[in-house]
Amino acid sequence: MIRHKSKQLWLAVLGLAAFAGATQAADISGAGATFPYPIYSKWADAYKTQTGIGLNYQSIGSGGGIKQIKAKTVTFGASDMPLKPEELKESGLVQFPMIIGGVVPVVNVKGVAAGALVLDGATLASIYLGEITKWDDARIKKLNPKLTLPATNIAPVYRSDGSGTNFLFSDYLSKTSPKFQSTIGAATSVQWPVGIGAKGNEGVANMTRQTDGAVGYVEYAYAKQTQMAYANLVNAAGQAVTPSAESFQAAAASADWAHSNGYFLILTNQAGAKSWPITGASFILVYATPPDAAATGAALKFFDWAYKNGGKMAAELDYVPLPDALVQQVRATWKSQIKGVTF
């Protein structure tokens, strides 16, 4: 009798283990960019409510996401720096855009409210090069003639981890400052000559909030959710613009996705009077021949669901959903380039 009960108990434990394993296997694994994390998290909650399938997404930065997908430790990687077509081919990866958003400069300057301060790319570059060190510098005053600025030291805050937010910000500074381009350049990780390092959008936001005189850069949803003071920027058309879904959409409007090989397209410093100059798409990376076709298929089903159902949620966080024509293009890419999957 005891032996029979022990056998029943052992079978029950095995059953629970099998159930737990199946539940774990059903979850979709991904890692990478912190830029889209707020919307991926919101989509994941809604998707799990509808389907019971969870998303295990590690918000570790674009550099980490690229490393993890190349190491095949996750089903998909996420990056705000698109990989070049030759790198995709070499790694056997397929890339597609998922969402569009904006990076914004955030500041902690006493008496300066959100949207009151105006900066431009050249001035921001000089701050991050250590050339402008006080908030009442003549170059900042020239952009803000009606604003009373203190003689506070500027404390630049930068991303210490490899990230797409780093890439978008450094790419913008490179396009607006020849000196920044030649000495620092654009990449997911760069050698900042001055400032305080912090990890992730969350880390930069927190460090900026707690440091008097700080300036940092974060994805707009982080600035909005935490009610941080952001700066407006002078765009390529010479217009001072405010970060918003509308100004991100304006920057993305002229993007020629149909002729972009591997969807390699960078949206910083776009033309147009209403364009936000640090706009970027966030990309997903999967294998053309997936190591686990079922897992990749499950991931594509999630992304397909997000394209169909996630637009309103994205807009609530001031991201820009992809245009319908681009979504159709992405679906065609899945069918033609990713082997052995259904979605």
C-alpha atoms as a PDB file:
ATOM      1  CA  MET A   1       0.000   0.000   0.000  1.00  0.00           C
ATOM      2  CA  ILE A   2       2.785   2.418   0.940  1.00  0.00           C
ATOM      3  CA  ARG A   3       4.679   1.397  -2.195  1.00  0.00           C
ATOM      4  CA  HIS A   4       1.524   2.064  -4.302  1.00  0.00           C
ATOM      5  CA  LYS A   5       1.053   5.534  -2.774  1.00  0.00           C
ATOM      6  CA  SER A   6       4.731   6.311  -3.344  1.00  0.00           C
ATOM      7  CA  LYS A   7       4.331   5.362  -6.980  1.00  0.00           C
ATOM      8  CA  GLN A   8       1.242   7.602  -7.271  1.00  0.00           C
ATOM      9  CA  LEU A   9       3.130  10.484  -5.658  1.00  0.00           C
ATOM     10  CA  TRP A  10       6.099   9.985  -7.981  1.00  0.00           C
ATOM     11  CA  LEU A  11       3.797   9.963 -11.034  1.00  0.00           C
ATOM     12  CA  ALA A  12       2.138  13.154  -9.784  1.00  0.00           C
ATOM     13  CA  VAL A  13       5.550  14.841  -9.406  1.00  0.00           C
ATOM     14  CA  LEU A  14       6.499  13.732 -12.922  1.00  0.00           C
ATOM     15  CA  GLY A  15       3.188  15.082 -14.209  1.00  0.00           C
ATOM     16  CA  LEU A  16       3.777  18.456 -12.538  1.00  0.00           C
ATOM     17  CA  ALA A  17       7.310  18.577 -13.913  1.00  0.00           C
ATOM     18  CA  ALA A  18       6.069  17.797 -17.399  1.00  0.00           C
ATOM     19  CA  PHE A  19       3.352  20.449 -17.076  1.00  0.00           C
ATOM     20  CA  ALA A  20       5.891  23.030 -15.880  1.00  0.00           C
ATOM     21  CA  GLY A  21       8.212  22.102 -18.732  1.00  0.00           C
ATOM     22  CA  ALA A  22       5.427  22.492 -21.275  1.00  0.00           C
ATOM     23  CA  THR A  23       4.445  25.866 -19.805  1.00  0.00           C
ATOM     24  CA  GLN A  24       8.043  27.045 -19.917  1.00  0.00           C
ATOM     25  CA  ALA A  25       8.471  25.799 -23.480  1.00  0.00           C
ATOM     26  CA  ALA A  26       5.368  27.724 -24.551  1.00  0.00           C
ATOM     27  CA  ASP A  27       6.872  31.043 -23.430  1.00  0.00           C
ATOM     28  CA  ILE A  28       8.637  33.067 -26.111  1.00  0.00           C
ATOM     29  CA  SER A  29      12.232  34.028 -25.327  1.00  0.00           C
ATOM     30  CA  GLY A  30      13.888  37.212 -26.513  1.00  0.00           C
ATOM     31  CA  ALA A  31      16.486  39.732 -25.438  1.00  0.00           C
ATOM     32  CA  GLY A  32      17.822  43.110 -26.431  1.00  0.00           C
ATOM     33  CA  ALA A  33      16.799  46.719 -26.804  1.00  0.00           C
ATOM     34  CA  THR A  34      15.486  48.690 -23.834  1.00  0.00           C
ATOM     35  CA  PHE A  35      14.045  51.287 -26.267  1.00  0.00           C
ATOM     36  CA  PRO A  36      10.889  49.210 -27.069  1.00  0.00           C
ATOM     37  CA  TYR A  37      10.630  47.487 -23.663  1.00  0.00           C
ATOM     38  CA  PRO A  38       7.601  49.498 -22.417  1.00  0.00           C
ATOM     39  CA  ILE A  39       5.495  48.529 -25.432  1.00  0.00           C
ATOM     40  CA  TYR A  40       6.770  44.929 -25.632  1.00  0.00           C
ATOM     41  CA  SER A  41       5.829  44.545 -21.970  1.00  0.00           C
ATOM     42  CA  LYS A  42       2.342  45.956 -22.573  1.00  0.00           C
ATOM     43  CA  TRP A  43       1.814  43.731 -25.611  1.00  0.00           C
ATOM     44  CA  ALA A  44       3.073  40.698 -23.702  1.00  0.00           C
ATOM     45  CA  ASP A  45       0.542  41.181 -20.884  1.00  0.00           C
ATOM     46  CA  ALA A  46      -2.351  41.481 -23.335  1.00  0.00           C
ATOM     47  CA  TYR A  47      -1.139  38.537 -25.421  1.00  0.00           C
ATOM     48  CA  LYS A  48      -0.801  36.269 -22.391  1.00  0.00           C
ATOM     49  CA  THR A  49      -4.322  37.178 -21.277  1.00  0.00           C
ATOM     50  CA  GLN A  50      -5.649  36.178 -24.693  1.00  0.00           C
ATOM     51  CA  THR A  51      -3.501  33.135 -25.461  1.00  0.00           C
ATOM     52  CA  GLY A  52      -1.882  31.955 -22.226  1.00  0.00           C
ATOM     53  CA  ILE A  53       1.533  32.276 -23.903  1.00  0.00           C
ATOM     54  CA  GLY A  54       4.045  34.466 -22.107  1.00  0.00           C
ATOM     55  CA  LEU A  55       6.985  36.517 -23.324  1.00  0.00           C
ATOM     56  CA  ASN A  56      10.284  36.218 -21.479  1.00  0.00           C
ATOM     57  CA  TYR A  57      12.045  39.360 -22.726  1.00  0.00           C
ATOM     58  CA  GLN A  58      15.361  40.453 -21.232  1.00  0.00           C
ATOM     59  CA  SER A  59      15.727  44.222 -21.572  1.00  0.00           C
ATOM     60  CA  ILE A  60      19.543  44.210 -21.714  1.00  0.00           C
ATOM     61  CA  GLY A  61      20.334  46.596 -24.556  1.00  0.00           C
ATOM     62  CA  SER A  62      20.704  46.092 -28.296  1.00  0.00           C
ATOM     63  CA  GLY A  63      24.312  44.933 -28.041  1.00  0.00           C
ATOM     64  CA  GLY A  64      23.297  42.151 -25.644  1.00  0.00           C
ATOM     65  CA  GLY A  65      20.358  41.172 -27.843  1.00  0.00           C
ATOM     66  CA  ILE A  66      22.596  40.822 -30.902  1.00  0.00           C
ATOM     67  CA  LYS A  67      25.049  38.697 -28.898  1.00  0.00           C
ATOM     68  CA  GLN A  68      22.313  36.443 -27.502  1.00  0.00           C
ATOM     69  CA  ILE A  69      20.624  35.749 -30.832  1.00  0.00           C
ATOM     70  CA  LYS A  70      23.999  35.008 -32.425  1.00  0.00           C
ATOM     71  CA  ALA A  71      24.735  32.641 -29.524  1.00  0.00           C
ATOM     72  CA  LYS A  72      21.300  31.028 -30.077  1.00  0.00           C
ATOM     73  CA  THR A  73      20.347  31.408 -26.422  1.00  0.00           C
ATOM     74  CA  VAL A  74      17.062  33.190 -27.304  1.00  0.00           C
ATOM     75  CA  THR A  75      14.475  32.786 -30.050  1.00  0.00           C
ATOM     76  CA  PHE A  76      14.732  36.416 -31.144  1.00  0.00           C
ATOM     77  CA  GLY A  77      17.017  39.361 -30.601  1.00  0.00           C
ATOM     78  CA  ALA A  78      15.931  43.007 -30.572  1.00  0.00           C
ATOM     79  CA  SER A  79      18.076  45.914 -31.693  1.00  0.00           C
ATOM     80  CA  ASP A  80      17.567  49.609 -32.397  1.00  0.00           C
ATOM     81  CA  MET A  81      20.698  49.577 -34.536  1.00  0.00           C
ATOM     82  CA  PRO A  82      19.807  47.700 -37.726  1.00  0.00           C
ATOM     83  CA  LEU A  83      22.390  45.186 -38.843  1.00  0.00           C
ATOM     84  CA  LYS A  84      23.866  45.760 -42.291  1.00  0.00           C
ATOM     85  CA  PRO A  85      22.775  43.312 -45.032  1.00  0.00           C
ATOM     86  CA  GLU A  86      26.219  41.690 -45.191  1.00  0.00           C
ATOM     87  CA  GLU A  87      26.206  41.000 -41.429  1.00  0.00           C
ATOM     88  CA  LEU A  88      22.709  39.502 -41.656  1.00  0.00           C
ATOM     89  CA  LYS A  89      23.843  37.216 -44.465  1.00  0.00           C
ATOM     90  CA  GLU A  90      27.019  36.182 -42.650  1.00  0.00           C
ATOM     91  CA  SER A  91      25.084  35.333 -39.473  1.00  0.00           C
ATOM     92  CA  GLY A  92      22.123  33.682 -41.228  1.00  0.00           C
ATOM     93  CA  LEU A  93      19.704  36.191 -39.723  1.00  0.00           C
ATOM     94  CA  VAL A  94      16.523  37.884 -40.949  1.00  0.00           C
ATOM     95  CA  GLN A  95      15.745  41.402 -39.706  1.00  0.00           C
ATOM     96  CA  PHE A  96      12.472  43.340 -39.700  1.00  0.00           C
ATOM     97  CA  PRO A  97      11.164  46.531 -38.028  1.00  0.00           C
ATOM     98  CA  MET A  98       8.617  46.205 -35.222  1.00  0.00           C
ATOM     99  CA  ILE A  99       7.893  49.699 -33.907  1.00  0.00           C
ATOM    100  CA  ILE A 100       9.022  53.311 -34.320  1.00  0.00           C
ATOM    101  CA  GLY A 101       9.777  55.726 -31.497  1.00  0.00           C
ATOM    102  CA  GLY A 102      12.011  58.575 -30.451  1.00  0.00           C
ATOM    103  CA  VAL A 103      14.971  59.251 -28.187  1.00  0.00           C
ATOM    104  CA  VAL A 104      14.767  62.503 -26.223  1.00  0.00           C
ATOM    105  CA  PRO A 105      17.266  64.564 -24.216  1.00  0.00           C
ATOM    106  CA  VAL A 106      16.129  64.764 -20.578  1.00  0.00           C
ATOM    107  CA  VAL A 107      17.380  67.398 -18.149  1.00  0.00           C
ATOM    108  CA  ASN A 108      17.443  68.128 -14.443  1.00  0.00           C
ATOM    109  CA  VAL A 109      17.961  71.889 -14.254  1.00  0.00           C
ATOM    110  CA  LYS A 110      16.242  73.832 -11.481  1.00  0.00           C
ATOM    111  CA  GLY A 111      13.504  76.056 -12.836  1.00  0.00           C
ATOM    112  CA  VAL A 112      13.466  74.422 -16.299  1.00  0.00           C
ATOM    113  CA  ALA A 113      10.210  72.648 -17.099  1.00  0.00           C
ATOM    114  CA  ALA A 114       9.532  69.999 -19.740  1.00  0.00           C
ATOM    115  CA  GLY A 115       9.739  71.474 -23.220  1.00  0.00           C
ATOM    116  CA  ALA A 116      11.009  74.864 -22.025  1.00  0.00           C
ATOM    117  CA  LEU A 117      14.621  74.264 -23.077  1.00  0.00           C
ATOM    118  CA  VAL A 118      15.695  74.137 -26.733  1.00  0.00           C
ATOM    119  CA  LEU A 119      18.893  72.396 -27.846  1.00  0.00           C
ATOM    120  CA  ASP A 120      20.365  71.433 -31.191  1.00  0.00           C
ATOM    121  CA  GLY A 121      22.656  68.639 -32.306  1.00  0.00           C
ATOM    122  CA  ALA A 122      25.840  70.708 -32.386  1.00  0.00           C
ATOM    123  CA  THR A 123      25.253  72.031 -28.867  1.00  0.00           C
ATOM    124  CA  LEU A 124      24.425  68.586 -27.489  1.00  0.00           C
ATOM    125  CA  ALA A 125      27.559  67.207 -29.150  1.00  0.00           C
ATOM    126  CA  SER A 126      29.678  69.944 -27.529  1.00  0.00           C
ATOM    127  CA  ILE A 127      28.167  69.083 -24.134  1.00  0.00           C
ATOM    128  CA  TYR A 128      29.026  65.387 -24.559  1.00  0.00           C
ATOM    129  CA  LEU A 129      32.507  66.302 -25.837  1.00  0.00           C
ATOM    130  CA  GLY A 130      33.094  68.285 -22.636  1.00  0.00           C
ATOM    131  CA  GLU A 131      33.340  71.621 -24.467  1.00  0.00           C
ATOM    132  CA  ILE A 132      30.185  73.162 -22.935  1.00  0.00           C
ATOM    133  CA  THR A 133      30.256  72.744 -19.163  1.00  0.00           C
ATOM    134  CA  LYS A 134      27.759  75.290 -17.738  1.00  0.00           C
ATOM    135  CA  TRP A 135      24.040  75.677 -18.347  1.00  0.00           C
ATOM    136  CA  ASP A 136      24.421  79.431 -18.821  1.00  0.00           C
ATOM    137  CA  ASP A 137      26.947  78.962 -21.661  1.00  0.00           C
ATOM    138  CA  ALA A 138      26.469  81.527 -24.444  1.00  0.00           C
ATOM    139  CA  ARG A 139      25.670  78.807 -27.015  1.00  0.00           C
ATOM    140  CA  ILE A 140      22.780  77.479 -24.904  1.00  0.00           C
ATOM    141  CA  LYS A 141      21.600  81.032 -24.143  1.00  0.00           C
ATOM    142  CA  LYS A 142      21.503  81.832 -27.871  1.00  0.00           C
ATOM    143  CA  LEU A 143      19.032  78.978 -28.396  1.00  0.00           C
ATOM    144  CA  ASN A 144      16.996  80.093 -25.348  1.00  0.00           C
ATOM    145  CA  PRO A 145      16.948  83.911 -25.284  1.00  0.00           C
ATOM    146  CA  LYS A 146      13.842  84.091 -23.072  1.00  0.00           C
ATOM    147  CA  LEU A 147      14.928  81.424 -20.577  1.00  0.00           C
ATOM    148  CA  THR A 148      16.794  82.209 -17.364  1.00  0.00           C
ATOM    149  CA  LEU A 149      19.520  79.591 -17.092  1.00  0.00           C
ATOM    150  CA  PRO A 150      21.609  78.965 -13.948  1.00  0.00           C
ATOM    151  CA  ALA A 151      25.412  78.797 -13.833  1.00  0.00           C
ATOM    152  CA  THR A 152      25.088  75.151 -12.780  1.00  0.00           C
ATOM    153  CA  ASN A 153      27.685  72.632 -13.961  1.00  0.00           C
ATOM    154  CA  ILE A 154      26.373  70.309 -16.661  1.00  0.00           C
ATOM    155  CA  ALA A 155      26.553  66.616 -15.770  1.00  0.00           C
ATOM    156  CA  PRO A 156      26.199  64.545 -18.967  1.00  0.00           C
ATOM    157  CA  VAL A 157      24.717  61.093 -18.336  1.00  0.00           C
ATOM    158  CA  TYR A 158      25.324  58.361 -20.917  1.00  0.00           C
ATOM    159  CA  ARG A 159      24.476  54.718 -21.507  1.00  0.00           C
ATOM    160  CA  SER A 160      27.291  52.526 -20.215  1.00  0.00           C
ATOM    161  CA  ASP A 161      25.926  49.364 -21.870  1.00  0.00           C
ATOM    162  CA  GLY A 162      25.807  48.543 -25.568  1.00  0.00           C
ATOM    163  CA  SER A 163      22.479  49.883 -26.739  1.00  0.00           C
ATOM    164  CA  GLY A 164      20.457  51.005 -29.718  1.00  0.00           C
ATOM    165  CA  THR A 165      19.547  54.163 -27.797  1.00  0.00           C
ATOM    166  CA  ASN A 166      23.295  54.876 -27.697  1.00  0.00           C
ATOM    167  CA  PHE A 167      23.469  54.237 -31.416  1.00  0.00           C
ATOM    168  CA  LEU A 168      20.574  56.551 -32.300  1.00  0.00           C
ATOM    169  CA  PHE A 169      21.881  59.338 -30.059  1.00  0.00           C
ATOM    170  CA  SER A 170      25.504  59.052 -31.220  1.00  0.00           C
ATOM    171  CA  ASP A 171      24.387  58.740 -34.853  1.00  0.00           C
ATOM    172  CA  TYR A 172      22.407  61.985 -34.511  1.00  0.00           C
ATOM    173  CA  LEU A 173      25.351  63.781 -32.873  1.00  0.00           C
ATOM    174  CA  SER A 174      27.666  62.469 -35.610  1.00  0.00           C
ATOM    175  CA  LYS A 175      25.355  63.834 -38.306  1.00  0.00           C
ATOM    176  CA  THR A 176      25.209  67.284 -36.691  1.00  0.00           C
ATOM    177  CA  SER A 177      28.803  67.649 -35.454  1.00  0.00           C
ATOM    178  CA  PRO A 178      31.819  66.842 -37.671  1.00  0.00           C
ATOM    179  CA  LYS A 179      34.053  66.825 -34.584  1.00  0.00           C
ATOM    180  CA  PHE A 180      31.840  64.287 -32.809  1.00  0.00           C
ATOM    181  CA  GLN A 181      31.798  62.166 -35.968  1.00  0.00           C
ATOM    182  CA  SER A 182      35.599  62.156 -36.262  1.00  0.00           C
ATOM    183  CA  THR A 183      36.424  61.668 -32.560  1.00  0.00           C
ATOM    184  CA  ILE A 184      33.549  59.540 -31.180  1.00  0.00           C
ATOM    185  CA  GLY A 185      31.397  58.261 -34.038  1.00  0.00           C
ATOM    186  CA  ALA A 186      28.159  56.268 -34.005  1.00  0.00           C
ATOM    187  CA  ALA A 187      27.845  52.802 -32.452  1.00  0.00           C
ATOM    188  CA  THR A 188      25.950  50.862 -29.788  1.00  0.00           C
ATOM    189  CA  SER A 189      28.977  51.430 -27.521  1.00  0.00           C
ATOM    190  CA  VAL A 190      31.200  54.497 -27.780  1.00  0.00           C
ATOM    191  CA  GLN A 191      33.932  56.013 -25.602  1.00  0.00           C
ATOM    192  CA  TRP A 192      32.317  59.049 -24.017  1.00  0.00           C
ATOM    193  CA  PRO A 193      35.044  61.542 -22.986  1.00  0.00           C
ATOM    194  CA  VAL A 194      33.040  63.032 -20.077  1.00  0.00           C
ATOM    195  CA  GLY A 195      30.017  62.273 -17.927  1.00  0.00           C
ATOM    196  CA  ILE A 196      28.416  59.622 -15.752  1.00  0.00           C
ATOM    197  CA  GLY A 197      27.582  56.152 -17.058  1.00  0.00           C
ATOM    198  CA  ALA A 198      24.324  54.356 -16.253  1.00  0.00           C
ATOM    199  CA  LYS A 199      22.866  51.069 -17.460  1.00  0.00           C
ATOM    200  CA  GLY A 200      19.700  50.943 -19.513  1.00  0.00           C
ATOM    201  CA  ASN A 201      17.101  53.606 -20.237  1.00  0.00           C
ATOM    202  CA  GLU A 202      15.936  53.087 -16.652  1.00  0.00           C
ATOM    203  CA  GLY A 203      19.432  53.744 -15.282  1.00  0.00           C
ATOM    204  CA  VAL A 204      19.946  56.906 -17.344  1.00  0.00           C
ATOM    205  CA  ALA A 205      16.511  58.189 -16.312  1.00  0.00           C
ATOM    206  CA  ASN A 206      17.212  57.534 -12.620  1.00  0.00           C
ATOM    207  CA  MET A 207      20.717  59.029 -12.728  1.00  0.00           C
ATOM    208  CA  THR A 208      19.447  62.149 -14.496  1.00  0.00           C
ATOM    209  CA  ARG A 209      16.630  62.578 -11.962  1.00  0.00           C
ATOM    210  CA  GLN A 210      18.971  62.398  -8.984  1.00  0.00           C
ATOM    211  CA  THR A 211      21.840  64.547 -10.360  1.00  0.00           C
ATOM    212  CA  ASP A 212      21.528  68.329 -10.261  1.00  0.00           C
ATOM    213  CA  GLY A 213      22.439  69.856 -13.633  1.00  0.00           C
ATOM    214  CA  ALA A 214      22.219  66.526 -15.463  1.00  0.00           C
ATOM    215  CA  VAL A 215      21.378  65.919 -19.095  1.00  0.00           C
ATOM    216  CA  GLY A 216      20.726  62.426 -20.419  1.00  0.00           C
ATOM    217  CA  TYR A 217      18.923  60.675 -23.276  1.00  0.00           C
ATOM    218  CA  VAL A 218      16.171  58.078 -23.054  1.00  0.00           C
ATOM    219  CA  GLU A 219      13.396  56.571 -25.133  1.00  0.00           C
ATOM    220  CA  TYR A 220      10.414  58.932 -24.968  1.00  0.00           C
ATOM    221  CA  ALA A 221       8.110  56.492 -23.153  1.00  0.00           C
ATOM    222  CA  TYR A 222      10.527  56.497 -20.182  1.00  0.00           C
ATOM    223  CA  ALA A 223      10.543  60.310 -20.064  1.00  0.00           C
ATOM    224  CA  LYS A 224       6.765  60.457 -20.329  1.00  0.00           C
ATOM    225  CA  GLN A 225       6.021  57.720 -17.794  1.00  0.00           C
ATOM    226  CA  THR A 226       8.343  59.259 -15.198  1.00  0.00           C
ATOM    227  CA  GLN A 227       7.335  62.877 -16.019  1.00  0.00           C
ATOM    228  CA  MET A 228      10.908  63.940 -16.681  1.00  0.00           C
ATOM    229  CA  ALA A 229      11.776  67.349 -18.105  1.00  0.00           C
ATOM    230  CA  TYR A 230      12.796  66.904 -21.733  1.00  0.00           C
ATOM    231  CA  ALA A 231      14.366  69.353 -24.183  1.00  0.00           C
ATOM    232  CA  ASN A 232      12.957  70.298 -27.565  1.00  0.00           C
ATOM    233  CA  LEU A 233      15.364  69.986 -30.492  1.00  0.00           C
ATOM    234  CA  VAL A 234      16.116  71.996 -33.607  1.00  0.00           C
ATOM    235  CA  ASN A 235      15.702  69.602 -36.540  1.00  0.00           C
ATOM    236  CA  ALA A 236      17.341  69.408 -39.974  1.00  0.00           C
ATOM    237  CA  ALA A 237      14.832  71.954 -41.308  1.00  0.00           C
ATOM    238  CA  GLY A 238      15.903  74.449 -38.626  1.00  0.00           C
ATOM    239  CA  GLN A 239      12.625  74.148 -36.709  1.00  0.00           C
ATOM    240  CA  ALA A 240      12.382  73.638 -32.929  1.00  0.00           C
ATOM    241  CA  VAL A 241      10.157  70.582 -32.456  1.00  0.00           C
ATOM    242  CA  THR A 242       8.628  68.767 -29.502  1.00  0.00           C
ATOM    243  CA  PRO A 243       8.892  64.979 -29.116  1.00  0.00           C
ATOM    244  CA  SER A 244       5.563  63.297 -29.843  1.00  0.00           C
ATOM    245  CA  ALA A 245       4.068  60.467 -31.854  1.00  0.00           C
ATOM    246  CA  GLU A 246       3.301  63.052 -34.545  1.00  0.00           C
ATOM    247  CA  SER A 247       6.905  64.266 -34.830  1.00  0.00           C
ATOM    248  CA  PHE A 248       8.200  60.657 -34.837  1.00  0.00           C
ATOM    249  CA  GLN A 249       5.682  59.827 -37.584  1.00  0.00           C
ATOM    250  CA  ALA A 250       6.802  62.863 -39.580  1.00  0.00           C
ATOM    251  CA  ALA A 251      10.408  61.638 -39.466  1.00  0.00           C
ATOM    252  CA  ALA A 252       9.367  58.144 -40.539  1.00  0.00           C
ATOM    253  CA  ALA A 253       7.018  59.318 -43.311  1.00  0.00           C
ATOM    254  CA  SER A 254       9.661  59.628 -46.020  1.00  0.00           C
ATOM    255  CA  ALA A 255      11.409  56.343 -45.180  1.00  0.00           C
ATOM    256  CA  ASP A 256      11.841  54.179 -48.287  1.00  0.00           C
ATOM    257  CA  TRP A 257      11.434  50.728 -46.714  1.00  0.00           C
ATOM    258  CA  ALA A 258      10.581  49.057 -50.023  1.00  0.00           C
ATOM    259  CA  HIS A 259      14.108  49.652 -51.331  1.00  0.00           C
ATOM    260  CA  SER A 260      15.999  49.082 -48.076  1.00  0.00           C
ATOM    261  CA  ASN A 261      18.000  45.855 -48.291  1.00  0.00           C
ATOM    262  CA  GLY A 262      17.383  43.843 -45.120  1.00  0.00           C
ATOM    263  CA  TYR A 263      15.334  46.798 -43.778  1.00  0.00           C
ATOM    264  CA  PHE A 264      18.583  48.637 -43.106  1.00  0.00           C
ATOM    265  CA  LEU A 265      17.265  52.158 -42.583  1.00  0.00           C
ATOM    266  CA  ILE A 266      18.244  54.828 -40.053  1.00  0.00           C
ATOM    267  CA  LEU A 267      15.709  57.578 -39.331  1.00  0.00           C
ATOM    268  CA  THR A 268      17.845  60.153 -37.489  1.00  0.00           C
ATOM    269  CA  ASN A 269      18.022  63.779 -38.696  1.00  0.00           C
ATOM    270  CA  GLN A 270      15.373  63.300 -41.384  1.00  0.00           C
ATOM    271  CA  ALA A 271      14.168  66.201 -43.521  1.00  0.00           C
ATOM    272  CA  GLY A 272      10.809  67.844 -42.834  1.00  0.00           C
ATOM    273  CA  ALA A 273       9.675  70.812 -40.755  1.00  0.00           C
ATOM    274  CA  LYS A 274       7.834  68.603 -38.239  1.00  0.00           C
ATOM    275  CA  SER A 275      10.357  65.726 -37.986  1.00  0.00           C
ATOM    276  CA  TRP A 276      11.810  64.749 -34.608  1.00  0.00           C
ATOM    277  CA  PRO A 277      15.577  64.392 -35.265  1.00  0.00           C
ATOM    278  CA  ILE A 278      16.290  61.368 -33.039  1.00  0.00           C
ATOM    279  CA  THR A 279      13.667  59.002 -34.397  1.00  0.00           C
ATOM    280  CA  GLY A 280      14.398  55.319 -34.874  1.00  0.00           C
ATOM    281  CA  ALA A 281      12.836  51.973 -35.637  1.00  0.00           C
ATOM    282  CA  SER A 282      13.345  49.000 -33.353  1.00  0.00           C
ATOM    283  CA  PHE A 283      14.155  45.738 -35.134  1.00  0.00           C
ATOM    284  CA  ILE A 284      13.691  42.023 -34.502  1.00  0.00           C
ATOM    285  CA  LEU A 285      16.327  39.426 -35.454  1.00  0.00           C
ATOM    286  CA  VAL A 286      15.527  35.744 -36.057  1.00  0.00           C
ATOM    287  CA  TYR A 287      17.287  32.943 -37.909  1.00  0.00           C
ATOM    288  CA  ALA A 288      16.453  32.271 -41.555  1.00  0.00           C
ATOM    289  CA  THR A 289      16.801  28.580 -40.702  1.00  0.00           C
ATOM    290  CA  PRO A 290      15.646  28.534 -37.071  1.00  0.00           C
ATOM    291  CA  PRO A 291      17.257  26.090 -34.623  1.00  0.00           C
ATOM    292  CA  ASP A 292      13.726  25.590 -33.241  1.00  0.00           C
ATOM    293  CA  ALA A 293      11.155  26.297 -35.957  1.00  0.00           C
ATOM    294  CA  ALA A 294       8.217  25.912 -33.558  1.00  0.00           C
ATOM    295  CA  ALA A 295       9.650  28.512 -31.159  1.00  0.00           C
ATOM    296  CA  THR A 296      10.338  30.965 -33.982  1.00  0.00           C
ATOM    297  CA  GLY A 297       6.834  30.348 -35.342  1.00  0.00           C
ATOM    298  CA  ALA A 298       5.404  31.151 -31.897  1.00  0.00           C
ATOM    299  CA  ALA A 299       7.426  34.382 -31.823  1.00  0.00           C
ATOM    300  CA  LEU A 300       6.178  35.403 -35.280  1.00  0.00           C
ATOM    301  CA  LYS A 301       2.593  34.717 -34.184  1.00  0.00           C
ATOM    302  CA  PHE A 302       3.142  37.135 -31.291  1.00  0.00           C
ATOM    303  CA  PHE A 303       4.614  39.804 -33.587  1.00  0.00           C
ATOM    304  CA  ASP A 304       1.798  39.262 -36.110  1.00  0.00           C
ATOM    305  CA  TRP A 305      -0.740  39.686 -33.293  1.00  0.00           C
ATOM    306  CA  ALA A 306       1.034  42.893 -32.214  1.00  0.00           C
ATOM    307  CA  TYR A 307       0.895  44.299 -35.756  1.00  0.00           C
ATOM    308  CA  LYS A 308      -2.852  43.557 -35.897  1.00  0.00           C
ATOM    309  CA  ASN A 309      -3.872  44.465 -32.351  1.00  0.00           C
ATOM    310  CA  GLY A 310      -1.124  46.533 -30.754  1.00  0.00           C
ATOM    311  CA  GLY A 311      -1.449  49.882 -32.516  1.00  0.00           C
ATOM    312  CA  LYS A 312      -3.641  51.575 -29.910  1.00  0.00           C
ATOM    313  CA  MET A 313      -1.409  50.380 -27.054  1.00  0.00           C
ATOM    314  CA  ALA A 314       1.652  51.660 -28.921  1.00  0.00           C
ATOM    315  CA  ALA A 315       0.069  55.060 -29.507  1.00  0.00           C
ATOM    316  CA  GLU A 316      -0.779  55.361 -25.798  1.00  0.00           C
ATOM    317  CA  LEU A 317       2.968  55.182 -25.084  1.00  0.00           C
ATOM    318  CA  ASP A 318       3.802  57.544 -27.990  1.00  0.00           C
ATOM    319  CA  TYR A 319       5.310  54.885 -30.207  1.00  0.00           C
ATOM    320  CA  VAL A 320       4.383  54.859 -33.883  1.00  0.00           C
ATOM    321  CA  PRO A 321       2.907  51.633 -35.305  1.00  0.00           C
ATOM    322  CA  LEU A 322       4.269  50.584 -38.687  1.00  0.00           C
ATOM    323  CA  PRO A 323       2.261  51.616 -41.767  1.00  0.00           C
ATOM    324  CA  ASP A 324       0.040  48.850 -43.191  1.00  0.00           C
ATOM    325  CA  ALA A 325       2.077  48.605 -46.390  1.00  0.00           C
ATOM    326  CA  LEU A 326       5.252  47.999 -44.376  1.00  0.00           C
ATOM    327  CA  VAL A 327       3.532  45.328 -42.249  1.00  0.00           C
ATOM    328  CA  GLN A 328       2.498  43.521 -45.438  1.00  0.00           C
ATOM    329  CA  GLN A 329       6.092  43.769 -46.662  1.00  0.00           C
ATOM    330  CA  VAL A 330       7.343  42.250 -43.396  1.00  0.00           C
ATOM    331  CA  ARG A 331       4.870  39.356 -43.613  1.00  0.00           C
ATOM    332  CA  ALA A 332       6.056  38.661 -47.155  1.00  0.00           C
ATOM    333  CA  THR A 333       9.639  38.618 -45.851  1.00  0.00           C
ATOM    334  CA  TRP A 334       8.691  36.035 -43.227  1.00  0.00           C
ATOM    335  CA  LYS A 335       7.133  33.771 -45.869  1.00  0.00           C
ATOM    336  CA  SER A 336      10.015  34.055 -48.314  1.00  0.00           C
ATOM    337  CA  GLN A 337      13.035  34.118 -46.020  1.00  0.00           C
ATOM    338  CA  ILE A 338      12.274  32.143 -42.828  1.00  0.00           C
ATOM    339  CA  LYS A 339      12.190  28.390 -43.364  1.00  0.00           C
ATOM    340  CA  GLY A 340       9.823  25.884 -41.757  1.00  0.00           C
ATOM    341  CA  VAL A 341       7.638  28.268 -39.728  1.00  0.00           C
ATOM    342  CA  THR A 342       3.917  28.980 -39.601  1.00  0.00           C
ATOM    343  CA  PHE A 343       2.325  32.091 -38.163  1.00  0.00           C
END
